[in-house]
Amino acid sequence: MEAFYFGPSESYLLGVFHPRQGTNRNEGIVLCNPFGQEYLRAHKSMRRLAINLAELGYPVLRFDYRGTGDSAGDIDGHTADHWVEDIGHAIQELVDVAAVTRVALIGLRLGALLAAQAADRFGQVSRLVMWDPIADGAEYVGGIRASIVNGGTQASRSRVLGNDGTLHFNGFSMPPRFQESIVNWNLHDLVPTLDVPVAQIVSHESDTFARLNQQLSARERFYSELAPAPHDWNYVDHVGGILWPKPVIDAIEHYFNQVAP
């Protein structure tokens, strides 16, 4: 594992590279994080997934979007389109570092919506894996807003609606410009048009899972799996411990070990 900075000097990104082990596969994998507190809670799962996929022979790159984690700047002034550009930089970095010609994207939650946009824009993408995806940007933003407005006194301590419309929740902020950049994004419109194999792997059944399955089941290159897990990536136990959802990690690993792009 190697940590380094890459991308444009004005918006450099922190990357963590997991080199392939054993089998030499001519396909890399970029992991696309969720947003805010979900990223913190998913970090252990994403790291474990990267390690397991590298052991299968895939070079893997994890990274922080600009304005998050240890990458440059803060989220003010940035949009989701900038984060899609960051995925493009990560794809190119992995192509250069690992000498691969194709790169798969795995996106968790909002990361799946971002990865779908990237799969539509960048020609090196070989396949898209959506893990517990956010399907509707407007619904996602509306849900955060509703949790702030309707959360009551207890929620107001960590969730505040700013005077300018910024959503402050659980220690993270989503400015109006960022909100506006994703409200028209919808997987149900975008994914059926993608010219790459698509997989959906989730730990719980949902309307999103069922609807995407119905939409995509006719595709020749569509894979879907429900991998029930006693705990998901967002689970925190009574002492603050975060457990990673082994059945879902195993399902994604199995997909990459068995299914060709």
Foldseek 3Di string as FASTA:
>chain_A
DDWDWDDDPQWIKIKDKQAADDDADQEAEEEFADDDVLRVLLVVQVVVLCNLLSPLNHIYMYIDQGQDDPIHDHCPPHALVSSLVVVVRVVVVCCVPSVHQAYEYEYEACGLLSVLVNLQPDDRYAEYEYEPYDFALQVVVVVLVCCQVVVPDVQVVQWDQDPQRWTGHNHGIDGPRHSVRGRPGGCLVRVVPGPHAYEYEYQDDDPVLVVVCVSCVPPPRYYYDHFHFPDDSNDADPVGDRDHGVSRSVVVSVCVNPPDD
